[in-house]
């Protein structure tokens, strides 16, 4: 049996982890090659290449979104209301990964517009999920 909400949540977490691992592999190479001291990194990679700066921001975007979108997926899973989130779970994950890939590729005006469009879809899905979950768990009142 497939569980789209659980797969999307796990995929979201795994994607954030993959971005972090990629960043740390590149940072390790920079240290081992003597291009930067081990204590020479800043959180946003501002002292590194533009790709590394975009990678740090793409990872941060995932981490920033995880409590909101991941939290909604988790609520759906815990409360047994995945019927609300399952239908858009894969679309959400695809938009999340696509947003990051576009971020890694470019910060041109066109890329930023495409990236925002992918994020806007995620926000719309999140609002739909939140409304559906609130309606499903909200007490129906006395009686």
N, C-alpha and C. Protein backbone atom coordinates (compact mmCIF):
# COMPACT_ATOMS: atom_id res chain seq x y z
N UNK A 1 0.85 -1.19 0.00
CA UNK A 1 0.00 0.00 0.00
C UNK A 1 0.89 1.24 0.00
N UNK A 2 0.57 2.18 -0.86
CA UNK A 2 1.34 3.42 -0.96
C UNK A 2 0.77 4.45 -0.01
N UNK A 3 1.66 5.21 0.59
CA UNK A 3 1.28 6.27 1.52
C UNK A 3 1.89 7.58 1.01
N UNK A 4 1.24 8.25 0.07
CA UNK A 4 1.82 9.45 -0.53
C UNK A 4 2.25 10.51 0.47
N UNK A 5 1.46 10.74 1.52
CA UNK A 5 1.83 11.77 2.50
C UNK A 5 3.12 11.40 3.22
N UNK A 6 3.25 10.15 3.61
CA UNK A 6 4.47 9.70 4.30
C UNK A 6 5.66 9.73 3.36
N UNK A 7 5.44 9.35 2.10
CA UNK A 7 6.53 9.38 1.12
C UNK A 7 6.95 10.83 0.87
N UNK A 8 5.99 11.74 0.73
CA UNK A 8 6.32 13.15 0.50
C UNK A 8 7.08 13.74 1.69
N UNK A 9 6.64 13.43 2.91
CA UNK A 9 7.33 13.94 4.10
C UNK A 9 8.75 13.40 4.16
N UNK A 10 8.90 12.11 3.94
CA UNK A 10 10.23 11.50 3.97
C UNK A 10 11.09 12.05 2.83
N UNK A 11 10.48 12.23 1.67
CA UNK A 11 11.22 12.78 0.54
C UNK A 11 11.67 14.21 0.79
N UNK A 12 10.82 15.00 1.42
CA UNK A 12 11.16 16.38 1.76
C UNK A 12 12.37 16.40 2.71
N UNK A 13 12.32 15.58 3.73
CA UNK A 13 13.43 15.50 4.68
C UNK A 13 14.69 15.00 3.99
N UNK A 14 14.55 13.97 3.17
CA UNK A 14 15.70 13.41 2.46
C UNK A 14 16.31 14.44 1.50
N UNK A 15 15.46 15.23 0.85
CA UNK A 15 15.97 16.27 -0.07
C UNK A 15 16.78 17.31 0.69
N UNK A 16 16.27 17.75 1.83
CA UNK A 16 17.01 18.72 2.65
C UNK A 16 18.35 18.12 3.09
N UNK A 17 18.32 16.84 3.46
CA UNK A 17 19.55 16.15 3.87
C UNK A 17 20.53 16.04 2.70
N UNK A 18 20.02 15.72 1.52
CA UNK A 18 20.89 15.61 0.35
C UNK A 18 21.58 16.93 0.05
N UNK A 19 20.84 18.03 0.12
CA UNK A 19 21.45 19.35 -0.11
C UNK A 19 22.54 19.63 0.93
N UNK A 20 22.27 19.26 2.18
CA UNK A 20 23.26 19.46 3.24
C UNK A 20 24.50 18.60 3.00
N UNK A 21 24.30 17.35 2.64
CA UNK A 21 25.43 16.45 2.37
C UNK A 21 26.26 16.99 1.21
N UNK A 22 25.61 17.44 0.15
CA UNK A 22 26.33 18.02 -0.98
C UNK A 22 27.17 19.22 -0.55
N UNK A 23 26.57 20.08 0.26
CA UNK A 23 27.29 21.25 0.74
C UNK A 23 28.51 20.84 1.57
N UNK A 24 28.34 19.85 2.42
CA UNK A 24 29.45 19.44 3.28
C UNK A 24 30.53 18.69 2.51
N UNK A 25 30.17 17.98 1.46
CA UNK A 25 31.18 17.34 0.61
C UNK A 25 32.03 18.40 -0.06
N UNK A 26 31.38 19.42 -0.60
CA UNK A 26 32.13 20.49 -1.27
C UNK A 26 32.99 21.26 -0.26
N UNK A 27 32.43 21.54 0.91
CA UNK A 27 33.21 22.24 1.93
C UNK A 27 34.42 21.41 2.36
N UNK A 28 34.22 20.11 2.51
CA UNK A 28 35.34 19.23 2.90
C UNK A 28 36.43 19.26 1.85
N UNK A 29 36.06 19.23 0.57
CA UNK A 29 37.04 19.30 -0.50
C UNK A 29 37.82 20.62 -0.45
N UNK A 30 37.11 21.70 -0.16
CA UNK A 30 37.78 23.00 -0.07
C UNK A 30 38.80 23.02 1.06
N UNK A 31 38.47 22.39 2.17
CA UNK A 31 39.40 22.34 3.31
C UNK A 31 40.59 21.44 2.97
N UNK A 32 40.31 20.26 2.43
CA UNK A 32 41.38 19.31 2.11
C UNK A 32 42.33 19.85 1.05
N UNK A 33 41.84 20.68 0.17
CA UNK A 33 42.68 21.28 -0.87
C UNK A 33 43.37 22.55 -0.39
N UNK A 34 43.12 22.94 0.86
CA UNK A 34 43.76 24.11 1.43
C UNK A 34 43.23 25.44 0.91
N UNK A 35 42.05 25.43 0.30
CA UNK A 35 41.50 26.67 -0.25
C UNK A 35 40.79 27.51 0.79
N UNK A 36 40.38 26.87 1.89
CA UNK A 36 39.72 27.60 2.97
C UNK A 36 40.00 26.84 4.28
N UNK A 37 40.27 27.55 5.37
CA UNK A 37 40.49 26.84 6.63
C UNK A 37 39.17 26.25 7.16
N UNK A 38 39.28 25.22 7.95
CA UNK A 38 38.09 24.55 8.48
C UNK A 38 37.18 25.49 9.25
N UNK A 39 37.75 26.52 9.84
CA UNK A 39 36.93 27.48 10.59
C UNK A 39 36.60 28.72 9.76
N UNK A 40 36.75 28.63 8.45
CA UNK A 40 36.56 29.79 7.59
C UNK A 40 35.20 29.88 6.93
N UNK A 41 34.30 29.00 7.31
CA UNK A 41 32.98 29.01 6.68
C UNK A 41 32.00 29.88 7.45
N UNK A 42 31.11 30.51 6.71
CA UNK A 42 29.99 31.24 7.31
C UNK A 42 28.71 30.53 6.90
N UNK A 43 27.66 30.63 7.70
CA UNK A 43 26.45 29.84 7.43
C UNK A 43 25.86 29.99 6.03
N UNK A 44 25.93 31.19 5.47
CA UNK A 44 25.33 31.40 4.15
C UNK A 44 26.33 31.24 3.00
N UNK A 45 27.54 30.79 3.33
CA UNK A 45 28.60 30.59 2.33
C UNK A 45 28.95 31.87 1.58
N UNK A 46 28.76 33.01 2.21
CA UNK A 46 28.98 34.30 1.55
C UNK A 46 30.41 34.47 1.06
N UNK A 47 31.35 33.76 1.67
CA UNK A 47 32.74 33.89 1.27
C UNK A 47 33.15 32.83 0.25
N UNK A 48 32.16 32.14 -0.31
CA UNK A 48 32.45 31.09 -1.29
C UNK A 48 31.81 31.45 -2.64
N UNK A 49 31.82 30.50 -3.54
CA UNK A 49 31.29 30.73 -4.89
C UNK A 49 29.79 31.02 -4.86
N UNK A 50 29.29 31.59 -5.95
CA UNK A 50 27.86 31.87 -6.02
C UNK A 50 27.05 30.57 -5.98
N UNK A 51 27.57 29.48 -6.54
CA UNK A 51 26.86 28.21 -6.45
C UNK A 51 26.73 27.78 -4.99
N UNK A 52 27.81 27.90 -4.22
CA UNK A 52 27.76 27.51 -2.81
C UNK A 52 26.79 28.39 -2.03
N UNK A 53 26.72 29.66 -2.39
CA UNK A 53 25.75 30.55 -1.74
C UNK A 53 24.32 30.11 -2.08
N UNK A 54 24.09 29.77 -3.34
CA UNK A 54 22.76 29.29 -3.74
C UNK A 54 22.43 27.97 -3.07
N UNK A 55 23.43 27.10 -2.93
CA UNK A 55 23.22 25.81 -2.27
C UNK A 55 22.83 26.02 -0.81
N UNK A 56 23.52 26.92 -0.13
CA UNK A 56 23.18 27.20 1.28
C UNK A 56 21.77 27.75 1.38
N UNK A 57 21.39 28.61 0.45
CA UNK A 57 20.04 29.19 0.49
C UNK A 57 18.97 28.17 0.14
N UNK A 58 19.26 27.30 -0.83
CA UNK A 58 18.31 26.25 -1.19
C UNK A 58 18.08 25.32 -0.01
N UNK A 59 19.15 24.99 0.70
CA UNK A 59 19.01 24.15 1.89
C UNK A 59 18.22 24.88 2.96
N UNK A 60 18.54 26.14 3.17
CA UNK A 60 17.82 26.93 4.18
C UNK A 60 16.33 27.03 3.84
N UNK A 61 16.01 27.17 2.56
CA UNK A 61 14.59 27.21 2.14
C UNK A 61 13.88 25.92 2.55
N UNK A 62 14.55 24.79 2.37
CA UNK A 62 13.95 23.51 2.78
C UNK A 62 13.74 23.47 4.28
N UNK A 63 14.75 23.86 5.02
CA UNK A 63 14.66 23.82 6.49
C UNK A 63 13.59 24.79 6.98
N UNK A 64 13.47 25.95 6.34
CA UNK A 64 12.44 26.92 6.73
C UNK A 64 11.04 26.39 6.44
N UNK A 65 10.88 25.65 5.36
CA UNK A 65 9.57 25.14 4.98
C UNK A 65 9.16 23.87 5.69
N UNK A 66 10.14 23.16 6.21
CA UNK A 66 9.84 21.87 6.82
C UNK A 66 8.85 21.94 7.99
N UNK A 67 8.98 22.88 8.92
CA UNK A 67 8.00 22.91 10.02
C UNK A 67 6.58 23.19 9.54
N UNK A 68 6.44 23.97 8.49
CA UNK A 68 5.10 24.33 7.99
C UNK A 68 4.53 23.18 7.17
N UNK A 69 5.18 22.86 6.08
CA UNK A 69 4.64 21.85 5.17
C UNK A 69 4.80 20.44 5.73
N UNK A 70 5.96 20.18 6.30
CA UNK A 70 6.17 18.88 6.93
C UNK A 70 5.25 18.69 8.12
N UNK A 71 5.01 19.77 8.84
CA UNK A 71 4.10 19.70 9.98
C UNK A 71 2.69 19.35 9.55
N UNK A 72 2.23 19.93 8.45
CA UNK A 72 0.89 19.61 7.95
C UNK A 72 0.81 18.14 7.52
N UNK A 73 1.84 17.67 6.85
CA UNK A 73 1.87 16.26 6.46
C UNK A 73 1.85 15.36 7.70
N UNK A 74 2.62 15.75 8.70
CA UNK A 74 2.68 14.96 9.93
C UNK A 74 1.33 14.95 10.66
N UNK A 75 0.68 16.08 10.72
CA UNK A 75 -0.65 16.14 11.34
C UNK A 75 -1.61 15.20 10.61
N UNK A 76 -1.56 15.24 9.28
CA UNK A 76 -2.44 14.37 8.50
C UNK A 76 -2.16 12.90 8.80
N UNK A 77 -0.89 12.56 8.88
CA UNK A 77 -0.51 11.16 9.15
C UNK A 77 -0.94 10.75 10.55
N UNK A 78 -0.65 11.59 11.54
CA UNK A 78 -0.95 11.26 12.94
C UNK A 78 -2.44 11.16 13.19
N UNK A 79 -3.20 12.05 12.56
CA UNK A 79 -4.65 12.06 12.81
C UNK A 79 -5.43 11.14 11.88
N UNK A 80 -4.74 10.50 10.97
CA UNK A 80 -5.42 9.61 10.04
C UNK A 80 -6.21 10.34 8.97
N UNK A 81 -5.81 11.57 8.66
CA UNK A 81 -6.52 12.35 7.64
C UNK A 81 -5.67 12.54 6.38
N UNK A 82 -4.93 11.52 6.02
CA UNK A 82 -4.08 11.65 4.82
C UNK A 82 -4.89 11.74 3.54
N UNK A 83 -6.18 11.47 3.62
CA UNK A 83 -7.01 11.66 2.42
C UNK A 83 -6.99 13.13 1.99
N UNK A 84 -6.70 14.01 2.91
CA UNK A 84 -6.62 15.45 2.61
C UNK A 84 -5.30 15.78 1.92
N UNK A 85 -4.22 15.14 2.33
CA UNK A 85 -2.90 15.50 1.82
C UNK A 85 -2.40 14.58 0.70
N UNK A 86 -2.89 13.35 0.65
CA UNK A 86 -2.35 12.39 -0.32
C UNK A 86 -2.45 12.85 -1.76
N UNK A 87 -3.56 13.47 -2.14
CA UNK A 87 -3.79 13.80 -3.55
C UNK A 87 -2.76 14.79 -4.10
N UNK A 88 -2.22 15.65 -3.27
CA UNK A 88 -1.25 16.65 -3.74
C UNK A 88 0.15 16.42 -3.18
N UNK A 89 0.35 15.32 -2.47
CA UNK A 89 1.63 15.09 -1.80
C UNK A 89 2.79 15.00 -2.79
N UNK A 90 2.61 14.25 -3.86
CA UNK A 90 3.70 14.10 -4.84
C UNK A 90 3.93 15.40 -5.61
N UNK A 91 2.86 16.12 -5.92
CA UNK A 91 3.02 17.42 -6.58
C UNK A 91 3.78 18.37 -5.67
N UNK A 92 3.44 18.38 -4.39
CA UNK A 92 4.15 19.23 -3.44
C UNK A 92 5.65 18.91 -3.46
N UNK A 93 5.98 17.62 -3.33
CA UNK A 93 7.39 17.22 -3.29
C UNK A 93 8.10 17.58 -4.59
N UNK A 94 7.45 17.36 -5.72
CA UNK A 94 8.05 17.69 -7.01
C UNK A 94 8.33 19.19 -7.11
N UNK A 95 7.39 20.00 -6.65
CA UNK A 95 7.59 21.46 -6.67
C UNK A 95 8.72 21.87 -5.75
N UNK A 96 8.83 21.22 -4.59
CA UNK A 96 9.90 21.53 -3.64
C UNK A 96 11.26 21.24 -4.27
N UNK A 97 11.42 20.05 -4.85
CA UNK A 97 12.69 19.67 -5.47
C UNK A 97 12.98 20.59 -6.67
N UNK A 98 11.97 20.84 -7.49
CA UNK A 98 12.14 21.71 -8.66
C UNK A 98 12.58 23.10 -8.23
N UNK A 99 11.96 23.64 -7.18
CA UNK A 99 12.33 24.96 -6.68
C UNK A 99 13.81 24.98 -6.31
N UNK A 100 14.26 23.96 -5.60
CA UNK A 100 15.67 23.91 -5.20
C UNK A 100 16.59 23.81 -6.41
N UNK A 101 16.23 22.96 -7.37
CA UNK A 101 17.09 22.79 -8.56
C UNK A 101 17.20 24.08 -9.35
N UNK A 102 16.10 24.80 -9.49
CA UNK A 102 16.16 26.09 -10.19
C UNK A 102 17.02 27.06 -9.39
N UNK A 103 16.90 27.03 -8.08
CA UNK A 103 17.71 27.91 -7.23
C UNK A 103 19.20 27.61 -7.43
N UNK A 104 19.54 26.33 -7.51
CA UNK A 104 20.93 25.95 -7.71
C UNK A 104 21.45 26.38 -9.08
N UNK A 105 20.57 26.39 -10.06
CA UNK A 105 20.99 26.67 -11.43
C UNK A 105 21.23 28.15 -11.70
N UNK A 106 20.40 29.02 -11.12
CA UNK A 106 20.49 30.43 -11.51
C UNK A 106 19.73 31.32 -10.54
N UNK A 107 20.12 32.59 -10.53
CA UNK A 107 19.35 33.62 -9.82
C UNK A 107 18.94 34.72 -10.79
N UNK A 108 18.87 34.37 -12.08
CA UNK A 108 18.41 35.34 -13.06
C UNK A 108 16.95 35.68 -12.77
N UNK A 109 16.48 36.77 -13.34
CA UNK A 109 15.10 37.19 -13.12
C UNK A 109 14.13 36.09 -13.55
N UNK A 110 14.39 35.47 -14.68
CA UNK A 110 13.51 34.39 -15.16
C UNK A 110 13.53 33.20 -14.20
N UNK A 111 14.71 32.83 -13.73
CA UNK A 111 14.82 31.70 -12.80
C UNK A 111 14.11 31.99 -11.49
N UNK A 112 14.25 33.21 -11.00
CA UNK A 112 13.58 33.59 -9.75
C UNK A 112 12.06 33.53 -9.93
N UNK A 113 11.58 33.93 -11.07
CA UNK A 113 10.14 33.86 -11.35
C UNK A 113 9.67 32.42 -11.39
N UNK A 114 10.42 31.56 -12.04
CA UNK A 114 10.07 30.14 -12.11
C UNK A 114 10.12 29.53 -10.72
N UNK A 115 11.17 29.86 -9.98
CA UNK A 115 11.33 29.34 -8.62
C UNK A 115 10.17 29.78 -7.73
N UNK A 116 9.79 31.04 -7.83
CA UNK A 116 8.67 31.53 -7.03
C UNK A 116 7.38 30.83 -7.43
N UNK A 117 7.21 30.57 -8.71
CA UNK A 117 6.00 29.87 -9.16
C UNK A 117 5.91 28.49 -8.51
N UNK A 118 7.03 27.79 -8.44
CA UNK A 118 7.04 26.48 -7.79
C UNK A 118 6.70 26.63 -6.30
N UNK A 119 7.21 27.68 -5.69
CA UNK A 119 6.91 27.92 -4.28
C UNK A 119 5.45 28.31 -4.09
N UNK A 120 4.92 29.09 -5.02
CA UNK A 120 3.51 29.49 -4.93
C UNK A 120 2.59 28.27 -4.97
N UNK A 121 2.94 27.30 -5.79
CA UNK A 121 2.15 26.06 -5.83
C UNK A 121 2.22 25.37 -4.46
N UNK A 122 3.41 25.33 -3.87
CA UNK A 122 3.56 24.72 -2.54
C UNK A 122 2.71 25.46 -1.51
N UNK A 123 2.72 26.79 -1.58
CA UNK A 123 1.92 27.56 -0.63
C UNK A 123 0.43 27.28 -0.81
N UNK A 124 -0.02 27.20 -2.05
CA UNK A 124 -1.44 26.92 -2.31
C UNK A 124 -1.80 25.54 -1.77
N UNK A 125 -0.93 24.58 -2.00
CA UNK A 125 -1.17 23.23 -1.47
C UNK A 125 -1.21 23.28 0.06
N UNK A 126 -0.29 24.00 0.66
CA UNK A 126 -0.25 24.12 2.12
C UNK A 126 -1.51 24.74 2.68
N UNK A 127 -2.00 25.78 2.04
CA UNK A 127 -3.25 26.42 2.49
C UNK A 127 -4.41 25.44 2.37
N UNK A 128 -4.47 24.72 1.28
CA UNK A 128 -5.52 23.71 1.08
C UNK A 128 -5.44 22.65 2.17
N UNK A 129 -4.23 22.16 2.41
CA UNK A 129 -4.04 21.15 3.46
C UNK A 129 -4.45 21.68 4.82
N UNK A 130 -3.99 22.89 5.15
CA UNK A 130 -4.30 23.47 6.47
C UNK A 130 -5.81 23.62 6.65
N UNK A 131 -6.49 24.15 5.63
CA UNK A 131 -7.94 24.32 5.73
C UNK A 131 -8.64 22.98 5.88
N UNK A 132 -8.22 22.01 5.09
CA UNK A 132 -8.84 20.69 5.16
C UNK A 132 -8.60 20.00 6.49
N UNK A 133 -7.38 20.12 6.99
CA UNK A 133 -7.07 19.50 8.28
C UNK A 133 -7.79 20.19 9.42
N UNK A 134 -7.83 21.52 9.37
CA UNK A 134 -8.57 22.23 10.42
C UNK A 134 -10.04 21.84 10.42
N UNK A 135 -10.63 21.75 9.24
CA UNK A 135 -12.04 21.37 9.14
C UNK A 135 -12.26 19.93 9.64
N UNK A 136 -11.28 19.07 9.45
CA UNK A 136 -11.46 17.68 9.84
C UNK A 136 -11.22 17.42 11.32
N UNK A 137 -10.40 18.27 11.94
CA UNK A 137 -10.09 18.04 13.36
C UNK A 137 -10.80 19.02 14.30
N UNK A 138 -11.43 20.04 13.71
CA UNK A 138 -12.11 21.06 14.52
C UNK A 138 -13.30 20.42 15.24
N UNK A 139 -13.43 20.69 16.51
CA UNK A 139 -14.60 20.12 17.23
C UNK A 139 -15.89 20.60 16.61
N UNK A 140 -16.81 19.69 16.47
CA UNK A 140 -18.09 20.04 15.81
C UNK A 140 -19.05 20.71 16.75
N UNK A 141 -18.66 20.87 17.98
CA UNK A 141 -19.51 21.56 18.94
C UNK A 141 -20.32 20.58 19.77
N UNK A 142 -21.13 21.10 20.66
CA UNK A 142 -21.91 20.22 21.53
C UNK A 142 -22.96 19.43 20.77
N UNK A 143 -23.20 18.26 21.27
CA UNK A 143 -24.32 17.52 20.76
C UNK A 143 -23.98 16.42 19.90
